[in-house]
Amino acid sequence: MLNQYETVFIITPILSEVQMKEAVEKVRKIITDNGGEIVYHLDWGLKKLAYPIANKSTGFYNHFEFRAPGELIAKLETEYKRDERILRFLTFRMDKYSIEYSEKRRSNANKEVKKEE
């Protein structure tokens, strides 16, 4: 059975754009290669951290929403810990209410984009 998960991770700001995209692509590949399916990806960009992490005050935030078997989460978090480019991460299983809220949020964002065009 596939559960739906949400993960957010912060990438160190000292990387070039190519290295940052490599780190994001590595996470995407881990998810898809282990039986997961990406539902939504959003690059939040460079943001100020609430407190310094490893002497850094900013970081690149990335958000993935995906469906995957539960065993994948341990593999994903192990890779997060091994990757020096990732400062922090958080992964959690979404319940039916958070899935519903996320779908509404995405549809509202799509409506706003269409209005701007």
N, C-alpha and C. Protein backbone atom coordinates (compact mmCIF):
# COMPACT_ATOMS: atom_id res chain seq x y z
N MET A 1 0.83 -1.18 0.00
CA MET A 1 0.00 0.00 0.00
C MET A 1 0.88 1.25 0.00
N LEU A 2 0.50 2.20 -0.82
CA LEU A 2 1.25 3.45 -0.91
C LEU A 2 0.63 4.50 -0.01
N ASN A 3 1.45 5.09 0.86
CA ASN A 3 1.02 6.21 1.67
C ASN A 3 1.45 7.50 0.98
N GLN A 4 0.83 8.58 1.35
CA GLN A 4 1.24 9.87 0.78
C GLN A 4 2.08 10.60 1.83
N TYR A 5 3.21 11.13 1.39
CA TYR A 5 4.16 11.80 2.27
C TYR A 5 4.46 13.19 1.75
N GLU A 6 5.00 13.99 2.66
CA GLU A 6 5.46 15.32 2.32
C GLU A 6 6.85 15.45 2.92
N THR A 7 7.80 15.96 2.16
CA THR A 7 9.14 16.17 2.68
C THR A 7 9.61 17.57 2.29
N VAL A 8 10.27 18.22 3.22
CA VAL A 8 10.88 19.53 2.99
C VAL A 8 12.33 19.40 3.41
N PHE A 9 13.23 19.91 2.58
CA PHE A 9 14.65 19.88 2.96
C PHE A 9 15.30 21.20 2.58
N ILE A 10 16.35 21.53 3.32
CA ILE A 10 17.07 22.79 3.13
C ILE A 10 18.46 22.46 2.61
N ILE A 11 18.81 23.07 1.49
CA ILE A 11 20.12 22.86 0.87
C ILE A 11 21.01 24.05 1.21
N THR A 12 22.28 23.77 1.47
CA THR A 12 23.23 24.82 1.82
C THR A 12 23.31 25.88 0.71
N PRO A 13 23.43 27.16 1.08
CA PRO A 13 23.41 28.23 0.08
C PRO A 13 24.73 28.46 -0.65
N ILE A 14 25.79 27.75 -0.28
CA ILE A 14 27.09 28.02 -0.91
C ILE A 14 27.29 27.24 -2.22
N LEU A 15 26.28 26.51 -2.64
CA LEU A 15 26.39 25.71 -3.86
C LEU A 15 26.07 26.53 -5.10
N SER A 16 26.60 26.09 -6.23
CA SER A 16 26.22 26.70 -7.49
C SER A 16 24.82 26.20 -7.86
N GLU A 17 24.21 26.82 -8.83
CA GLU A 17 22.86 26.41 -9.23
C GLU A 17 22.86 24.98 -9.77
N VAL A 18 23.91 24.60 -10.46
CA VAL A 18 24.02 23.24 -11.01
C VAL A 18 24.08 22.22 -9.87
N GLN A 19 24.89 22.50 -8.84
CA GLN A 19 25.01 21.59 -7.71
C GLN A 19 23.70 21.49 -6.94
N MET A 20 22.99 22.62 -6.82
CA MET A 20 21.71 22.61 -6.12
C MET A 20 20.70 21.75 -6.88
N LYS A 21 20.64 21.91 -8.20
CA LYS A 21 19.72 21.11 -9.01
C LYS A 21 20.09 19.63 -8.94
N GLU A 22 21.37 19.34 -8.85
CA GLU A 22 21.82 17.95 -8.70
C GLU A 22 21.28 17.33 -7.41
N ALA A 23 21.35 18.10 -6.32
CA ALA A 23 20.87 17.61 -5.02
C ALA A 23 19.37 17.34 -5.08
N VAL A 24 18.61 18.24 -5.71
CA VAL A 24 17.16 18.07 -5.83
C VAL A 24 16.86 16.86 -6.72
N GLU A 25 17.59 16.72 -7.80
CA GLU A 25 17.37 15.59 -8.71
C GLU A 25 17.72 14.26 -8.03
N LYS A 26 18.70 14.28 -7.15
CA LYS A 26 19.07 13.07 -6.41
C LYS A 26 17.90 12.61 -5.54
N VAL A 27 17.24 13.55 -4.87
CA VAL A 27 16.09 13.21 -4.03
C VAL A 27 14.96 12.67 -4.90
N ARG A 28 14.70 13.33 -6.03
CA ARG A 28 13.65 12.87 -6.95
C ARG A 28 13.94 11.45 -7.43
N LYS A 29 15.20 11.17 -7.75
CA LYS A 29 15.59 9.86 -8.24
C LYS A 29 15.42 8.79 -7.16
N ILE A 30 15.78 9.10 -5.92
CA ILE A 30 15.62 8.14 -4.82
C ILE A 30 14.15 7.76 -4.67
N ILE A 31 13.28 8.75 -4.75
CA ILE A 31 11.85 8.49 -4.59
C ILE A 31 11.33 7.62 -5.74
N THR A 32 11.63 8.00 -6.96
CA THR A 32 11.07 7.27 -8.11
C THR A 32 11.70 5.90 -8.30
N ASP A 33 12.99 5.75 -8.00
CA ASP A 33 13.66 4.46 -8.17
C ASP A 33 13.23 3.42 -7.15
N ASN A 34 12.66 3.85 -6.04
CA ASN A 34 12.25 2.93 -4.98
C ASN A 34 10.74 2.76 -4.91
N GLY A 35 10.06 2.93 -6.03
CA GLY A 35 8.63 2.66 -6.09
C GLY A 35 7.74 3.83 -5.71
N GLY A 36 8.31 5.02 -5.61
CA GLY A 36 7.52 6.20 -5.27
C GLY A 36 7.03 6.93 -6.51
N GLU A 37 6.08 7.80 -6.28
CA GLU A 37 5.50 8.59 -7.37
C GLU A 37 5.38 10.04 -6.88
N ILE A 38 6.02 10.95 -7.59
CA ILE A 38 6.00 12.37 -7.20
C ILE A 38 4.62 12.95 -7.55
N VAL A 39 3.97 13.53 -6.56
CA VAL A 39 2.67 14.17 -6.77
C VAL A 39 2.88 15.64 -7.09
N TYR A 40 3.80 16.28 -6.37
CA TYR A 40 3.98 17.72 -6.50
C TYR A 40 5.38 18.10 -6.02
N HIS A 41 6.02 19.02 -6.70
CA HIS A 41 7.31 19.55 -6.27
C HIS A 41 7.26 21.06 -6.36
N LEU A 42 7.78 21.70 -5.33
CA LEU A 42 7.82 23.16 -5.31
C LEU A 42 9.17 23.60 -4.77
N ASP A 43 9.84 24.45 -5.54
CA ASP A 43 11.11 25.03 -5.11
C ASP A 43 10.78 26.37 -4.46
N TRP A 44 10.95 26.45 -3.14
CA TRP A 44 10.62 27.68 -2.42
C TRP A 44 11.72 28.72 -2.55
N GLY A 45 12.88 28.34 -3.03
CA GLY A 45 13.97 29.28 -3.24
C GLY A 45 14.78 29.56 -1.99
N LEU A 46 15.58 30.63 -2.07
CA LEU A 46 16.46 31.01 -0.98
C LEU A 46 15.67 31.75 0.09
N LYS A 47 15.76 31.27 1.32
CA LYS A 47 15.03 31.87 2.44
C LYS A 47 15.97 32.02 3.63
N LYS A 48 15.65 32.98 4.47
CA LYS A 48 16.40 33.20 5.70
C LYS A 48 15.99 32.13 6.72
N LEU A 49 16.97 31.56 7.40
CA LEU A 49 16.70 30.56 8.42
C LEU A 49 16.31 31.23 9.73
N ALA A 50 15.51 30.57 10.52
CA ALA A 50 15.09 31.11 11.81
C ALA A 50 16.28 31.22 12.77
N TYR A 51 17.24 30.32 12.63
CA TYR A 51 18.45 30.35 13.44
C TYR A 51 19.58 29.77 12.59
N PRO A 52 20.82 30.16 12.86
CA PRO A 52 21.93 29.66 12.04
C PRO A 52 22.10 28.14 12.16
N ILE A 53 22.38 27.51 11.04
CA ILE A 53 22.67 26.08 10.99
C ILE A 53 24.02 25.94 10.30
N ALA A 54 24.98 25.36 10.98
CA ALA A 54 26.34 25.19 10.45
C ALA A 54 26.90 26.53 9.96
N ASN A 55 26.70 27.57 10.76
CA ASN A 55 27.17 28.93 10.47
C ASN A 55 26.57 29.51 9.19
N LYS A 56 25.42 29.07 8.79
CA LYS A 56 24.74 29.60 7.61
C LYS A 56 23.41 30.20 8.05
N SER A 57 23.08 31.36 7.49
CA SER A 57 21.84 32.04 7.90
C SER A 57 20.75 31.95 6.83
N THR A 58 21.08 31.37 5.65
CA THR A 58 20.08 31.19 4.59
C THR A 58 20.21 29.78 4.03
N GLY A 59 19.20 29.36 3.27
CA GLY A 59 19.22 28.05 2.64
C GLY A 59 18.17 27.96 1.55
N PHE A 60 18.37 27.04 0.63
CA PHE A 60 17.41 26.81 -0.45
C PHE A 60 16.41 25.74 0.01
N TYR A 61 15.15 26.10 0.07
CA TYR A 61 14.09 25.20 0.52
C TYR A 61 13.46 24.48 -0.67
N ASN A 62 13.20 23.19 -0.51
CA ASN A 62 12.51 22.39 -1.52
C ASN A 62 11.45 21.55 -0.84
N HIS A 63 10.32 21.39 -1.53
CA HIS A 63 9.17 20.68 -0.97
C HIS A 63 8.72 19.63 -1.99
N PHE A 64 8.62 18.38 -1.55
CA PHE A 64 8.11 17.30 -2.39
C PHE A 64 6.89 16.69 -1.70
N GLU A 65 5.88 16.39 -2.49
CA GLU A 65 4.75 15.60 -2.03
C GLU A 65 4.77 14.35 -2.91
N PHE A 66 4.71 13.17 -2.28
CA PHE A 66 4.85 11.94 -3.06
C PHE A 66 4.11 10.79 -2.41
N ARG A 67 3.82 9.76 -3.23
CA ARG A 67 3.23 8.50 -2.76
C ARG A 67 4.33 7.45 -2.82
N ALA A 68 4.43 6.66 -1.75
CA ALA A 68 5.50 5.65 -1.70
C ALA A 68 5.21 4.63 -0.62
N PRO A 69 5.84 3.46 -0.73
CA PRO A 69 5.74 2.48 0.36
C PRO A 69 6.52 3.00 1.57
N GLY A 70 6.15 2.56 2.75
CA GLY A 70 6.75 3.04 3.98
C GLY A 70 8.25 2.79 4.10
N GLU A 71 8.75 1.72 3.47
CA GLU A 71 10.17 1.38 3.56
C GLU A 71 11.06 2.45 2.92
N LEU A 72 10.50 3.20 1.98
CA LEU A 72 11.27 4.21 1.27
C LEU A 72 11.73 5.33 2.21
N ILE A 73 10.96 5.64 3.22
CA ILE A 73 11.27 6.78 4.08
C ILE A 73 12.61 6.59 4.79
N ALA A 74 12.88 5.40 5.28
CA ALA A 74 14.16 5.14 5.95
C ALA A 74 15.32 5.33 4.97
N LYS A 75 15.17 4.86 3.74
CA LYS A 75 16.22 5.03 2.73
C LYS A 75 16.42 6.51 2.41
N LEU A 76 15.32 7.23 2.25
CA LEU A 76 15.38 8.65 1.91
C LEU A 76 16.08 9.44 3.02
N GLU A 77 15.69 9.19 4.26
CA GLU A 77 16.29 9.93 5.37
C GLU A 77 17.76 9.56 5.58
N THR A 78 18.13 8.33 5.28
CA THR A 78 19.54 7.94 5.34
C THR A 78 20.34 8.74 4.32
N GLU A 79 19.80 8.88 3.12
CA GLU A 79 20.47 9.66 2.08
C GLU A 79 20.55 11.14 2.45
N TYR A 80 19.51 11.68 3.07
CA TYR A 80 19.56 13.06 3.56
C TYR A 80 20.74 13.24 4.53
N LYS A 81 20.88 12.30 5.45
CA LYS A 81 21.94 12.39 6.47
C LYS A 81 23.33 12.26 5.85
N ARG A 82 23.46 11.47 4.81
CA ARG A 82 24.75 11.27 4.15
C ARG A 82 25.17 12.44 3.28
N ASP A 83 24.21 13.17 2.76
CA ASP A 83 24.48 14.27 1.82
C ASP A 83 24.86 15.53 2.59
N GLU A 84 26.09 15.98 2.43
CA GLU A 84 26.58 17.17 3.13
C GLU A 84 25.90 18.45 2.66
N ARG A 85 25.29 18.41 1.49
CA ARG A 85 24.63 19.61 0.96
C ARG A 85 23.31 19.91 1.66
N ILE A 86 22.73 18.92 2.32
CA ILE A 86 21.42 19.10 2.97
C ILE A 86 21.63 19.44 4.44
N LEU A 87 21.13 20.63 4.81
CA LEU A 87 21.30 21.11 6.19
C LEU A 87 20.27 20.49 7.13
N ARG A 88 19.00 20.50 6.73
CA ARG A 88 17.91 19.97 7.55
C ARG A 88 16.85 19.35 6.64
N PHE A 89 16.03 18.46 7.23
CA PHE A 89 14.95 17.85 6.48
C PHE A 89 13.84 17.46 7.43
N LEU A 90 12.65 17.31 6.87
CA LEU A 90 11.50 16.84 7.64
C LEU A 90 10.60 16.08 6.68
N THR A 91 10.22 14.87 7.06
CA THR A 91 9.32 14.04 6.25
C THR A 91 8.21 13.54 7.15
N PHE A 92 6.97 13.62 6.66
CA PHE A 92 5.86 13.07 7.44
C PHE A 92 4.79 12.49 6.53
N ARG A 93 4.04 11.54 7.09
CA ARG A 93 2.95 10.90 6.36
C ARG A 93 1.72 11.78 6.48
N MET A 94 1.08 12.01 5.35
CA MET A 94 -0.10 12.86 5.33
C MET A 94 -1.36 12.03 5.62
N ASP A 95 -2.25 12.58 6.42
CA ASP A 95 -3.53 11.91 6.63
C ASP A 95 -4.53 12.44 5.60
N LYS A 96 -5.75 11.93 5.62
CA LYS A 96 -6.71 12.29 4.58
C LYS A 96 -7.04 13.78 4.58
N TYR A 97 -6.99 14.42 5.75
CA TYR A 97 -7.31 15.85 5.83
C TYR A 97 -6.19 16.71 5.25
N SER A 98 -4.95 16.33 5.51
CA SER A 98 -3.85 17.10 4.95
C SER A 98 -3.73 16.89 3.44
N ILE A 99 -4.09 15.71 2.96
CA ILE A 99 -4.11 15.47 1.50
C ILE A 99 -5.17 16.35 0.85
N GLU A 100 -6.34 16.39 1.45
CA GLU A 100 -7.43 17.21 0.93
C GLU A 100 -7.05 18.69 0.93
N TYR A 101 -6.44 19.16 2.02
CA TYR A 101 -6.02 20.54 2.12
C TYR A 101 -4.98 20.86 1.05
N SER A 102 -4.03 19.96 0.86
CA SER A 102 -2.97 20.16 -0.13
C SER A 102 -3.54 20.25 -1.54
N GLU A 103 -4.52 19.41 -1.86
CA GLU A 103 -5.15 19.45 -3.18
C GLU A 103 -5.88 20.78 -3.40
N LYS A 104 -6.57 21.26 -2.37
CA LYS A 104 -7.26 22.55 -2.47
C LYS A 104 -6.26 23.68 -2.67
N ARG A 105 -5.18 23.65 -1.92
CA ARG A 105 -4.15 24.68 -2.02
C ARG A 105 -3.55 24.72 -3.42
N ARG A 106 -3.28 23.54 -4.00
CA ARG A 106 -2.72 23.48 -5.36
C ARG A 106 -3.72 23.99 -6.39
N SER A 107 -5.00 23.63 -6.24
CA SER A 107 -6.00 24.08 -7.22
C SER A 107 -6.20 25.59 -7.12
N ASN A 108 -6.16 26.14 -5.91
CA ASN A 108 -6.27 27.60 -5.76
C ASN A 108 -5.06 28.31 -6.35
N ALA A 109 -3.89 27.74 -6.19
CA ALA A 109 -2.68 28.33 -6.77
C ALA A 109 -2.76 28.31 -8.29
N ASN A 110 -3.29 27.23 -8.86
CA ASN A 110 -3.45 27.14 -10.31
C ASN A 110 -4.44 28.17 -10.82
N LYS A 111 -5.51 28.41 -10.08
CA LYS A 111 -6.50 29.41 -10.48
C LYS A 111 -5.89 30.80 -10.48
N GLU A 112 -5.05 31.10 -9.48
CA GLU A 112 -4.42 32.41 -9.41
C GLU A 112 -3.45 32.61 -10.56
N VAL A 113 -2.73 31.58 -10.93
CA VAL A 113 -1.79 31.67 -12.05
C VAL A 113 -2.55 31.94 -13.34
N LYS A 114 -3.69 31.28 -13.54
CA LYS A 114 -4.48 31.48 -14.76
C LYS A 114 -5.05 32.90 -14.82
N LYS A 115 -5.43 33.48 -13.65
CA LYS A 115 -5.93 34.84 -13.63
C LYS A 115 -4.87 35.84 -14.04
N GLU A 116 -3.62 35.61 -13.63
CA GLU A 116 -2.52 36.51 -13.94
C GLU A 116 -2.19 36.50 -15.43
N GLU A 117 -2.43 35.38 -16.08
CA GLU A 117 -2.11 35.27 -17.53
C GLU A 117 -3.14 36.02 -18.29
